[in-house]
PDB file of N, CA and C in Angstrom:
ATOM      1  N   MET A   1       8.481 -62.073  12.697  1.00  0.00           N
ATOM      2  CA  MET A   1       8.366 -63.466  13.092  1.00  0.00           C
ATOM      3  C   MET A   1       6.938 -63.723  13.583  1.00  0.00           C
ATOM      4  N   SER A   2       6.331 -64.775  13.129  1.00  0.00           N
ATOM      5  CA  SER A   2       4.966 -65.128  13.486  1.00  0.00           C
ATOM      6  C   SER A   2       4.950 -65.912  14.790  1.00  0.00           C
ATOM      7  N   HIS A   3       3.909 -65.676  15.588  1.00  0.00           N
ATOM      8  CA  HIS A   3       3.737 -66.416  16.828  1.00  0.00           C
ATOM      9  C   HIS A   3       2.530 -67.341  16.741  1.00  0.00           C
ATOM     10  N   ASP A   4       2.103 -67.657  15.529  1.00  0.00           N
ATOM     11  CA  ASP A   4       0.972 -68.551  15.340  1.00  0.00           C
ATOM     12  C   ASP A   4       1.326 -69.933  15.885  1.00  0.00           C
ATOM     13  N   THR A   5       0.317 -70.646  16.359  1.00  0.00           N
ATOM     14  CA  THR A   5       0.487 -72.005  16.843  1.00  0.00           C
ATOM     15  C   THR A   5      -0.235 -72.945  15.894  1.00  0.00           C
ATOM     16  N   THR A   6       0.416 -74.019  15.527  1.00  0.00           N
ATOM     17  CA  THR A   6      -0.187 -74.996  14.628  1.00  0.00           C
ATOM     18  C   THR A   6      -1.183 -75.851  15.399  1.00  0.00           C
ATOM     19  N   THR A   7      -2.363 -76.028  14.812  1.00  0.00           N
ATOM     20  CA  THR A   7      -3.448 -76.799  15.401  1.00  0.00           C
ATOM     21  C   THR A   7      -3.952 -77.804  14.372  1.00  0.00           C
ATOM     22  N   THR A   8      -4.233 -79.016  14.806  1.00  0.00           N
ATOM     23  CA  THR A   8      -4.815 -80.023  13.924  1.00  0.00           C
ATOM     24  C   THR A   8      -6.319 -79.816  13.864  1.00  0.00           C
ATOM     25  N   VAL A   9      -6.850 -79.792  12.637  1.00  0.00           N
ATOM     26  CA  VAL A   9      -8.291 -79.642  12.417  1.00  0.00           C
ATOM     27  C   VAL A   9      -8.769 -80.865  11.653  1.00  0.00           C
ATOM     28  N   ARG A  10      -9.881 -81.445  12.115  1.00  0.00           N
ATOM     29  CA  ARG A  10     -10.474 -82.623  11.475  1.00  0.00           C
ATOM     30  C   ARG A  10     -11.860 -82.277  10.957  1.00  0.00           C
ATOM     31  N   MET A  11     -12.275 -82.954   9.906  1.00  0.00           N
ATOM     32  CA  MET A  11     -13.615 -82.799   9.359  1.00  0.00           C
ATOM     33  C   MET A  11     -14.308 -84.152   9.462  1.00  0.00           C
ATOM     34  N   PHE A  12     -15.573 -84.140   9.902  1.00  0.00           N
ATOM     35  CA  PHE A  12     -16.348 -85.363  10.067  1.00  0.00           C
ATOM     36  C   PHE A  12     -17.336 -85.540   8.922  1.00  0.00           C
ATOM     37  N   GLY A  13     -17.779 -86.787   8.728  1.00  0.00           N
ATOM     38  CA  GLY A  13     -18.891 -87.118   7.836  1.00  0.00           C
ATOM     39  C   GLY A  13     -18.793 -86.525   6.447  1.00  0.00           C
ATOM     40  N   ALA A  14     -19.843 -85.814   6.047  1.00  0.00           N
ATOM     41  CA  ALA A  14     -19.925 -85.247   4.701  1.00  0.00           C
ATOM     42  C   ALA A  14     -18.809 -84.232   4.440  1.00  0.00           C
ATOM     43  N   LEU A  15     -18.326 -83.562   5.476  1.00  0.00           N
ATOM     44  CA  LEU A  15     -17.218 -82.613   5.289  1.00  0.00           C
ATOM     45  C   LEU A  15     -15.928 -83.359   4.985  1.00  0.00           C
ATOM     46  N   HIS A  16     -15.752 -84.508   5.602  1.00  0.00           N
ATOM     47  CA  HIS A  16     -14.613 -85.391   5.313  1.00  0.00           C
ATOM     48  C   HIS A  16     -14.661 -85.807   3.834  1.00  0.00           C
ATOM     49  N   VAL A  17     -15.832 -86.253   3.396  1.00  0.00           N
ATOM     50  CA  VAL A  17     -16.013 -86.685   1.999  1.00  0.00           C
ATOM     51  C   VAL A  17     -15.784 -85.524   1.044  1.00  0.00           C
ATOM     52  N   PHE A  18     -16.339 -84.345   1.362  1.00  0.00           N
ATOM     53  CA  PHE A  18     -16.176 -83.157   0.522  1.00  0.00           C
ATOM     54  C   PHE A  18     -14.690 -82.855   0.313  1.00  0.00           C
ATOM     55  N   ARG A  19     -13.919 -82.840   1.389  1.00  0.00           N
ATOM     56  CA  ARG A  19     -12.491 -82.532   1.275  1.00  0.00           C
ATOM     57  C   ARG A  19     -11.779 -83.589   0.426  1.00  0.00           C
ATOM     58  N   GLN A  20     -12.081 -84.859   0.644  1.00  0.00           N
ATOM     59  CA  GLN A  20     -11.439 -85.908  -0.140  1.00  0.00           C
ATOM     60  C   GLN A  20     -11.789 -85.789  -1.616  1.00  0.00           C
ATOM     61  N   GLU A  21     -13.065 -85.503  -1.931  1.00  0.00           N
ATOM     62  CA  GLU A  21     -13.487 -85.358  -3.324  1.00  0.00           C
ATOM     63  C   GLU A  21     -12.790 -84.192  -4.020  1.00  0.00           C
ATOM     64  N   HIS A  22     -12.321 -83.227  -3.243  1.00  0.00           N
ATOM     65  CA  HIS A  22     -11.626 -82.069  -3.806  1.00  0.00           C
ATOM     66  C   HIS A  22     -10.110 -82.190  -3.674  1.00  0.00           C
ATOM     67  N   GLY A  23      -9.658 -83.402  -3.387  1.00  0.00           N
ATOM     68  CA  GLY A  23      -8.215 -83.654  -3.317  1.00  0.00           C
ATOM     69  C   GLY A  23      -7.542 -83.029  -2.110  1.00  0.00           C
ATOM     70  N   LEU A  24      -8.320 -82.775  -1.064  1.00  0.00           N
ATOM     71  CA  LEU A  24      -7.792 -82.152   0.148  1.00  0.00           C
ATOM     72  C   LEU A  24      -7.858 -83.141   1.300  1.00  0.00           C
ATOM     73  N   PRO A  25      -6.936 -83.040   2.238  1.00  0.00           N
ATOM     74  CA  PRO A  25      -6.984 -83.958   3.378  1.00  0.00           C
ATOM     75  C   PRO A  25      -8.151 -83.620   4.304  1.00  0.00           C
ATOM     76  N   SER A  26      -8.708 -84.617   4.971  1.00  0.00           N
ATOM     77  CA  SER A  26      -9.792 -84.372   5.922  1.00  0.00           C
ATOM     78  C   SER A  26      -9.245 -84.069   7.320  1.00  0.00           C
ATOM     79  N   GLU A  27      -7.950 -84.136   7.452  1.00  0.00           N
ATOM     80  CA  GLU A  27      -7.256 -83.713   8.667  1.00  0.00           C
ATOM     81  C   GLU A  27      -6.092 -82.846   8.215  1.00  0.00           C
ATOM     82  N   THR A  28      -5.983 -81.667   8.798  1.00  0.00           N
ATOM     83  CA  THR A  28      -4.950 -80.748   8.337  1.00  0.00           C
ATOM     84  C   THR A  28      -4.406 -79.917   9.499  1.00  0.00           C
ATOM     85  N   GLU A  29      -3.211 -79.418   9.332  1.00  0.00           N
ATOM     86  CA  GLU A  29      -2.595 -78.531  10.313  1.00  0.00           C
ATOM     87  C   GLU A  29      -2.795 -77.090   9.844  1.00  0.00           C
ATOM     88  N   VAL A  30      -3.245 -76.230  10.757  1.00  0.00           N
ATOM     89  CA  VAL A  30      -3.449 -74.819  10.427  1.00  0.00           C
ATOM     90  C   VAL A  30      -2.777 -73.958  11.489  1.00  0.00           C
ATOM     91  N   ALA A  31      -2.416 -72.752  11.098  1.00  0.00           N
ATOM     92  CA  ALA A  31      -1.846 -71.789  12.034  1.00  0.00           C
ATOM     93  C   ALA A  31      -2.977 -70.929  12.599  1.00  0.00           C
ATOM     94  N   ILE A  32      -3.075 -70.876  13.912  1.00  0.00           N
ATOM     95  CA  ILE A  32      -4.066 -70.055  14.595  1.00  0.00           C
ATOM     96  C   ILE A  32      -3.319 -68.853  15.190  1.00  0.00           C
ATOM     97  N   PRO A  33      -3.772 -67.640  14.887  1.00  0.00           N
ATOM     98  CA  PRO A  33      -3.088 -66.457  15.432  1.00  0.00           C
ATOM     99  C   PRO A  33      -3.206 -66.396  16.955  1.00  0.00           C
ATOM    100  N   PRO A  34      -2.297 -65.717  17.614  1.00  0.00           N
ATOM    101  CA  PRO A  34      -2.303 -65.650  19.084  1.00  0.00           C
ATOM    102  C   PRO A  34      -3.627 -65.157  19.670  1.00  0.00           C
ATOM    103  N   GLN A  35      -4.315 -64.266  18.985  1.00  0.00           N
ATOM    104  CA  GLN A  35      -5.595 -63.740  19.488  1.00  0.00           C
ATOM    105  C   GLN A  35      -6.762 -64.669  19.167  1.00  0.00           C
ATOM    106  N   GLY A  36      -6.511 -65.763  18.457  1.00  0.00           N
ATOM    107  CA  GLY A  36      -7.553 -66.710  18.084  1.00  0.00           C
ATOM    108  C   GLY A  36      -8.296 -66.272  16.835  1.00  0.00           C
ATOM    109  N   CYS A  37      -9.265 -67.076  16.413  1.00  0.00           N
ATOM    110  CA  CYS A  37     -10.114 -66.730  15.267  1.00  0.00           C
ATOM    111  C   CYS A  37     -11.433 -67.474  15.387  1.00  0.00           C
ATOM    112  N   ALA A  38     -12.478 -66.906  14.824  1.00  0.00           N
ATOM    113  CA  ALA A  38     -13.799 -67.536  14.867  1.00  0.00           C
ATOM    114  C   ALA A  38     -13.774 -68.827  14.054  1.00  0.00           C
ATOM    115  N   ALA A  39     -14.496 -69.820  14.535  1.00  0.00           N
ATOM    116  CA  ALA A  39     -14.582 -71.099  13.822  1.00  0.00           C
ATOM    117  C   ALA A  39     -15.096 -70.880  12.405  1.00  0.00           C
ATOM    118  N   ARG A  40     -16.018 -69.948  12.224  1.00  0.00           N
ATOM    119  CA  ARG A  40     -16.575 -69.626  10.900  1.00  0.00           C
ATOM    120  C   ARG A  40     -15.458 -69.176   9.940  1.00  0.00           C
ATOM    121  N   VAL A  41     -14.538 -68.364  10.442  1.00  0.00           N
ATOM    122  CA  VAL A  41     -13.414 -67.876   9.629  1.00  0.00           C
ATOM    123  C   VAL A  41     -12.508 -69.038   9.257  1.00  0.00           C
ATOM    124  N   LEU A  42     -12.220 -69.892  10.220  1.00  0.00           N
ATOM    125  CA  LEU A  42     -11.363 -71.047   9.958  1.00  0.00           C
ATOM    126  C   LEU A  42     -12.004 -71.982   8.937  1.00  0.00           C
ATOM    127  N   ALA A  43     -13.301 -72.243   9.074  1.00  0.00           N
ATOM    128  CA  ALA A  43     -14.001 -73.110   8.118  1.00  0.00           C
ATOM    129  C   ALA A  43     -13.933 -72.523   6.718  1.00  0.00           C
ATOM    130  N   SER A  44     -14.097 -71.227   6.600  1.00  0.00           N
ATOM    131  CA  SER A  44     -14.011 -70.556   5.298  1.00  0.00           C
ATOM    132  C   SER A  44     -12.600 -70.665   4.714  1.00  0.00           C
ATOM    133  N   GLU A  45     -11.595 -70.469   5.556  1.00  0.00           N
ATOM    134  CA  GLU A  45     -10.209 -70.586   5.088  1.00  0.00           C
ATOM    135  C   GLU A  45      -9.877 -71.999   4.622  1.00  0.00           C
ATOM    136  N   LEU A  46     -10.584 -72.986   5.165  1.00  0.00           N
ATOM    137  CA  LEU A  46     -10.379 -74.379   4.756  1.00  0.00           C
ATOM    138  C   LEU A  46     -11.240 -74.740   3.547  1.00  0.00           C
ATOM    139  N   ASP A  47     -11.928 -73.749   2.981  1.00  0.00           N
ATOM    140  CA  ASP A  47     -12.793 -73.935   1.806  1.00  0.00           C
ATOM    141  C   ASP A  47     -13.915 -74.936   2.053  1.00  0.00           C
ATOM    142  N   LEU A  48     -14.406 -75.000   3.290  1.00  0.00           N
ATOM    143  CA  LEU A  48     -15.546 -75.856   3.578  1.00  0.00           C
ATOM    144  C   LEU A  48     -16.816 -75.172   3.081  1.00  0.00           C
ATOM    145  N   PRO A  49     -17.766 -75.936   2.557  1.00  0.00           N
ATOM    146  CA  PRO A  49     -19.032 -75.338   2.117  1.00  0.00           C
ATOM    147  C   PRO A  49     -19.837 -74.939   3.358  1.00  0.00           C
ATOM    148  N   MET A  50     -19.920 -73.641   3.636  1.00  0.00           N
ATOM    149  CA  MET A  50     -20.496 -73.151   4.883  1.00  0.00           C
ATOM    150  C   MET A  50     -21.929 -73.629   5.122  1.00  0.00           C
ATOM    151  N   GLU A  51     -22.688 -73.823   4.049  1.00  0.00           N
ATOM    152  CA  GLU A  51     -24.059 -74.299   4.222  1.00  0.00           C
ATOM    153  C   GLU A  51     -24.087 -75.737   4.736  1.00  0.00           C
ATOM    154  N   ASN A  52     -22.954 -76.419   4.693  1.00  0.00           N
ATOM    155  CA  ASN A  52     -22.868 -77.808   5.146  1.00  0.00           C
ATOM    156  C   ASN A  52     -22.127 -77.963   6.466  1.00  0.00           C
ATOM    157  N   VAL A  53     -21.814 -76.845   7.120  1.00  0.00           N
ATOM    158  CA  VAL A  53     -21.120 -76.900   8.406  1.00  0.00           C
ATOM    159  C   VAL A  53     -22.116 -76.536   9.501  1.00  0.00           C
ATOM    160  N   GLN A  54     -22.365 -77.466  10.410  1.00  0.00           N
ATOM    161  CA  GLN A  54     -23.362 -77.247  11.460  1.00  0.00           C
ATOM    162  C   GLN A  54     -22.767 -76.670  12.734  1.00  0.00           C
ATOM    163  N   ALA A  55     -21.607 -77.189  13.126  1.00  0.00           N
ATOM    164  CA  ALA A  55     -21.038 -76.812  14.413  1.00  0.00           C
ATOM    165  C   ALA A  55     -19.559 -77.163  14.429  1.00  0.00           C
ATOM    166  N   VAL A  56     -18.917 -76.868  15.541  1.00  0.00           N
ATOM    167  CA  VAL A  56     -17.503 -77.180  15.690  1.00  0.00           C
ATOM    168  C   VAL A  56     -17.278 -77.796  17.071  1.00  0.00           C
ATOM    169  N   PHE A  57     -16.487 -78.878  17.103  1.00  0.00           N
ATOM    170  CA  PHE A  57     -16.019 -79.431  18.365  1.00  0.00           C
ATOM    171  C   PHE A  57     -14.727 -78.705  18.695  1.00  0.00           C
ATOM    172  N   VAL A  58     -14.617 -78.209  19.907  1.00  0.00           N
ATOM    173  CA  VAL A  58     -13.377 -77.591  20.374  1.00  0.00           C
ATOM    174  C   VAL A  58     -13.082 -78.188  21.748  1.00  0.00           C
ATOM    175  N   ASN A  59     -11.959 -78.851  21.833  1.00  0.00           N
ATOM    176  CA  ASN A  59     -11.552 -79.474  23.095  1.00  0.00           C
ATOM    177  C   ASN A  59     -12.663 -80.356  23.673  1.00  0.00           C
ATOM    178  N   HIS A  60     -13.278 -81.152  22.792  1.00  0.00           N
ATOM    179  CA  HIS A  60     -14.278 -82.156  23.160  1.00  0.00           C
ATOM    180  C   HIS A  60     -15.623 -81.583  23.593  1.00  0.00           C
ATOM    181  N   GLN A  61     -15.888 -80.320  23.240  1.00  0.00           N
ATOM    182  CA  GLN A  61     -17.197 -79.719  23.476  1.00  0.00           C
ATOM    183  C   GLN A  61     -17.688 -79.123  22.171  1.00  0.00           C
ATOM    184  N   ILE A  62     -19.003 -79.044  22.022  1.00  0.00           N
ATOM    185  CA  ILE A  62     -19.591 -78.557  20.783  1.00  0.00           C
ATOM    186  C   ILE A  62     -19.956 -77.076  20.936  1.00  0.00           C
ATOM    187  N   TYR A  63     -19.715 -76.304  19.855  1.00  0.00           N
ATOM    188  CA  TYR A  63     -19.989 -74.867  19.869  1.00  0.00           C
ATOM    189  C   TYR A  63     -20.571 -74.432  18.532  1.00  0.00           C
ATOM    190  N   SER A  64     -21.134 -73.234  18.532  1.00  0.00           N
ATOM    191  CA  SER A  64     -21.575 -72.616  17.285  1.00  0.00           C
ATOM    192  C   SER A  64     -20.340 -72.147  16.520  1.00  0.00           C
ATOM    193  N   LEU A  65     -20.532 -71.751  15.287  1.00  0.00           N
ATOM    194  CA  LEU A  65     -19.418 -71.313  14.449  1.00  0.00           C
ATOM    195  C   LEU A  65     -18.893 -69.940  14.831  1.00  0.00           C
ATOM    196  N   ASP A  66     -19.546 -69.274  15.772  1.00  0.00           N
ATOM    197  CA  ASP A  66     -19.056 -67.992  16.265  1.00  0.00           C
ATOM    198  C   ASP A  66     -17.988 -68.168  17.342  1.00  0.00           C
ATOM    199  N   HIS A  67     -17.815 -69.383  17.826  1.00  0.00           N
ATOM    200  CA  HIS A  67     -16.844 -69.660  18.888  1.00  0.00           C
ATOM    201  C   HIS A  67     -15.432 -69.315  18.428  1.00  0.00           C
ATOM    202  N   CYS A  68     -14.663 -68.720  19.328  1.00  0.00           N
ATOM    203  CA  CYS A  68     -13.277 -68.337  19.013  1.00  0.00           C
ATOM    204  C   CYS A  68     -12.338 -69.515  19.283  1.00  0.00           C
ATOM    205  N   ILE A  69     -11.666 -69.960  18.223  1.00  0.00           N
ATOM    206  CA  ILE A  69     -10.656 -71.020  18.311  1.00  0.00           C
ATOM    207  C   ILE A  69      -9.370 -70.383  18.819  1.00  0.00           C
ATOM    208  N   GLN A  70      -8.758 -70.992  19.820  1.00  0.00           N
ATOM    209  CA  GLN A  70      -7.509 -70.488  20.384  1.00  0.00           C
ATOM    210  C   GLN A  70      -6.344 -71.377  19.945  1.00  0.00           C
ATOM    211  N   PRO A  71      -5.138 -70.829  19.905  1.00  0.00           N
ATOM    212  CA  PRO A  71      -3.979 -71.649  19.557  1.00  0.00           C
ATOM    213  C   PRO A  71      -3.893 -72.876  20.469  1.00  0.00           C
ATOM    214  N   GLY A  72      -3.648 -74.028  19.861  1.00  0.00           N
ATOM    215  CA  GLY A  72      -3.510 -75.267  20.611  1.00  0.00           C
ATOM    216  C   GLY A  72      -4.808 -76.012  20.861  1.00  0.00           C
ATOM    217  N   ASP A  73      -5.970 -75.413  20.510  1.00  0.00           N
ATOM    218  CA  ASP A  73      -7.242 -76.113  20.675  1.00  0.00           C
ATOM    219  C   ASP A  73      -7.302 -77.349  19.788  1.00  0.00           C
ATOM    220  N   GLU A  74      -8.060 -78.358  20.220  1.00  0.00           N
ATOM    221  CA  GLU A  74      -8.379 -79.508  19.372  1.00  0.00           C
ATOM    222  C   GLU A  74      -9.679 -79.155  18.663  1.00  0.00           C
ATOM    223  N   VAL A  75      -9.688 -79.236  17.326  1.00  0.00           N
ATOM    224  CA  VAL A  75     -10.808 -78.725  16.537  1.00  0.00           C
ATOM    225  C   VAL A  75     -11.294 -79.776  15.544  1.00  0.00           C
ATOM    226  N   ALA A  76     -12.620 -79.896  15.418  1.00  0.00           N
ATOM    227  CA  ALA A  76     -13.225 -80.760  14.402  1.00  0.00           C
ATOM    228  C   ALA A  76     -14.549 -80.133  13.980  1.00  0.00           C
ATOM    229  N   PHE A  77     -14.798 -80.100  12.668  1.00  0.00           N
ATOM    230  CA  PHE A  77     -16.043 -79.539  12.146  1.00  0.00           C
ATOM    231  C   PHE A  77     -17.081 -80.640  11.968  1.00  0.00           C
ATOM    232  N   VAL A  78     -18.328 -80.313  12.333  1.00  0.00           N
ATOM    233  CA  VAL A  78     -19.454 -81.240  12.280  1.00  0.00           C
ATOM    234  C   VAL A  78     -20.344 -80.844  11.104  1.00  0.00           C
ATOM    235  N   PRO A  79     -20.695 -81.803  10.238  1.00  0.00           N
ATOM    236  CA  PRO A  79     -21.515 -81.467   9.068  1.00  0.00           C
ATOM    237  C   PRO A  79     -22.974 -81.209   9.411  1.00  0.00           C
ATOM    238  N   ALA A  80     -23.609 -80.381   8.597  1.00  0.00           N
ATOM    239  CA  ALA A  80     -25.053 -80.166   8.704  1.00  0.00           C
ATOM    240  C   ALA A  80     -25.751 -81.487   8.434  1.00  0.00           C
ATOM    241  N   GLY A  81     -26.914 -81.647   9.028  1.00  0.00           N
ATOM    242  CA  GLY A  81     -27.672 -82.870   8.812  1.00  0.00           C
ATOM    243  C   GLY A  81     -27.310 -83.978   9.758  1.00  0.00           C
ATOM    244  N   THR A  82     -26.430 -83.707  10.732  1.00  0.00           N
ATOM    245  CA  THR A  82     -26.133 -84.722  11.728  1.00  0.00           C
ATOM    246  C   THR A  82     -27.454 -85.047  12.418  1.00  0.00           C
ATOM    247  N   PRO A  83     -27.839 -86.319  12.490  1.00  0.00           N
ATOM    248  CA  PRO A  83     -29.157 -86.692  13.022  1.00  0.00           C
ATOM    249  C   PRO A  83     -29.442 -86.062  14.382  1.00  0.00           C
ATOM    250  N   GLY A  84     -30.711 -85.731  14.607  1.00  0.00           N
ATOM    251  CA  GLY A  84     -31.142 -85.067  15.837  1.00  0.00           C
ATOM    252  C   GLY A  84     -30.709 -85.770  17.100  1.00  0.00           C
ATOM    253  N   VAL A  85     -30.858 -87.077  17.153  1.00  0.00           N
ATOM    254  CA  VAL A  85     -30.469 -87.817  18.350  1.00  0.00           C
ATOM    255  C   VAL A  85     -28.972 -87.675  18.585  1.00  0.00           C
ATOM    256  N   ALA A  86     -28.184 -87.762  17.513  1.00  0.00           N
ATOM    257  CA  ALA A  86     -26.729 -87.626  17.651  1.00  0.00           C
ATOM    258  C   ALA A  86     -26.361 -86.224  18.098  1.00  0.00           C
ATOM    259  N   ARG A  87     -27.041 -85.193  17.554  1.00  0.00           N
ATOM    260  CA  ARG A  87     -26.761 -83.809  17.971  1.00  0.00           C
ATOM    261  C   ARG A  87     -27.048 -83.645  19.453  1.00  0.00           C
ATOM    262  N   GLY A  88     -28.164 -84.218  19.899  1.00  0.00           N
ATOM    263  CA  GLY A  88     -28.506 -84.123  21.316  1.00  0.00           C
ATOM    264  C   GLY A  88     -27.478 -84.805  22.190  1.00  0.00           C
ATOM    265  N   CYS A  89     -26.971 -85.940  21.733  1.00  0.00           N
ATOM    266  CA  CYS A  89     -25.977 -86.683  22.504  1.00  0.00           C
ATOM    267  C   CYS A  89     -24.672 -85.910  22.641  1.00  0.00           C
ATOM    268  N   VAL A  90     -24.290 -85.176  21.595  1.00  0.00           N
ATOM    269  CA  VAL A  90     -23.025 -84.432  21.653  1.00  0.00           C
ATOM    270  C   VAL A  90     -23.228 -82.981  22.036  1.00  0.00           C
ATOM    271  N   GLY A  91     -24.490 -82.565  22.219  1.00  0.00           N
ATOM    272  CA  GLY A  91     -24.744 -81.211  22.677  1.00  0.00           C
ATOM    273  C   GLY A  91     -24.802 -80.176  21.589  1.00  0.00           C
ATOM    274  N   SER A  92     -24.970 -80.573  20.310  1.00  0.00           N
ATOM    275  CA  SER A  92     -24.948 -79.589  19.235  1.00  0.00           C
ATOM    276  C   SER A  92     -26.331 -79.105  18.844  1.00  0.00           C
ATOM    277  N   TYR A  93     -27.390 -79.605  19.470  1.00  0.00           N
ATOM    278  CA  TYR A  93     -28.734 -79.189  19.103  1.00  0.00           C
ATOM    279  C   TYR A  93     -28.853 -77.677  19.234  1.00  0.00           C
ATOM    280  N   GLY A  94     -29.213 -77.013  18.160  1.00  0.00           N
ATOM    281  CA  GLY A  94     -29.401 -75.571  18.174  1.00  0.00           C
ATOM    282  C   GLY A  94     -28.188 -74.775  17.753  1.00  0.00           C
ATOM    283  N   THR A  95     -27.020 -75.388  17.623  1.00  0.00           N
ATOM    284  CA  THR A  95     -25.834 -74.611  17.301  1.00  0.00           C
ATOM    285  C   THR A  95     -25.820 -74.126  15.867  1.00  0.00           C
ATOM    286  N   ALA A  96     -26.562 -74.748  14.975  1.00  0.00           N
ATOM    287  CA  ALA A  96     -26.560 -74.314  13.579  1.00  0.00           C
ATOM    288  C   ALA A  96     -27.049 -72.876  13.452  1.00  0.00           C
ATOM    289  N   LYS A  97     -27.917 -72.455  14.358  1.00  0.00           N
ATOM    290  CA  LYS A  97     -28.438 -71.091  14.325  1.00  0.00           C
ATOM    291  C   LYS A  97     -27.629 -70.166  15.229  1.00  0.00           C
ATOM    292  N   GLY A  98     -26.580 -70.696  15.849  1.00  0.00           N
ATOM    293  CA  GLY A  98     -25.745 -69.871  16.702  1.00  0.00           C
ATOM    294  C   GLY A  98     -26.337 -69.639  18.081  1.00  0.00           C
ATOM    295  N   ASP A  99     -27.360 -70.416  18.475  1.00  0.00           N
ATOM    296  CA  ASP A  99     -27.975 -70.177  19.762  1.00  0.00           C
ATOM    297  C   ASP A  99     -27.530 -71.175  20.829  1.00  0.00           C
ATOM    298  N   GLY A 100     -26.496 -71.954  20.526  1.00  0.00           N
ATOM    299  CA  GLY A 100     -25.951 -72.877  21.518  1.00  0.00           C
ATOM    300  C   GLY A 100     -24.466 -72.658  21.656  1.00  0.00           C
ATOM    301  N   GLU A 101     -23.967 -72.724  22.852  1.00  0.00           N
ATOM    302  CA  GLU A 101     -22.536 -72.510  23.061  1.00  0.00           C
ATOM    303  C   GLU A 101     -21.892 -73.676  23.787  1.00  0.00           C
ATOM    304  N   GLY A 102     -22.232 -74.869  23.455  1.00  0.00           N
ATOM    305  CA  GLY A 102     -21.562 -75.999  24.083  1.00  0.00           C
ATOM    306  C   GLY A 102     -22.177 -76.344  25.421  1.00  0.00           C
ATOM    307  N   ARG A 103     -21.917 -77.559  25.834  1.00  0.00           N
ATOM    308  CA  ARG A 103     -22.505 -78.031  27.096  1.00  0.00           C
ATOM    309  C   ARG A 103     -21.450 -78.725  27.899  1.00  0.00           C
TER     310      ARG A 103
END
């Protein structure tokens, strides 16, 4: 018996468009294992183009793709190319290189 918890994942901007163009929903339910998983792994499992994923929102904070998603987290992927001012406003400046861990 699995103890995974279902979590809603959303894709913003160009990632939203990418999923729609491929006949996939831009909001989906996924099972997160009890020990969690890296956002990078989750993005790959959702077939997101990794070169176009800049960061991940988890529980209303921005993180690099190395951040561990836990069961029940609120998750949304942020596309690469999000304007600098917008990244600064949401705290994602620098997360594309993995050197930011949310603010």
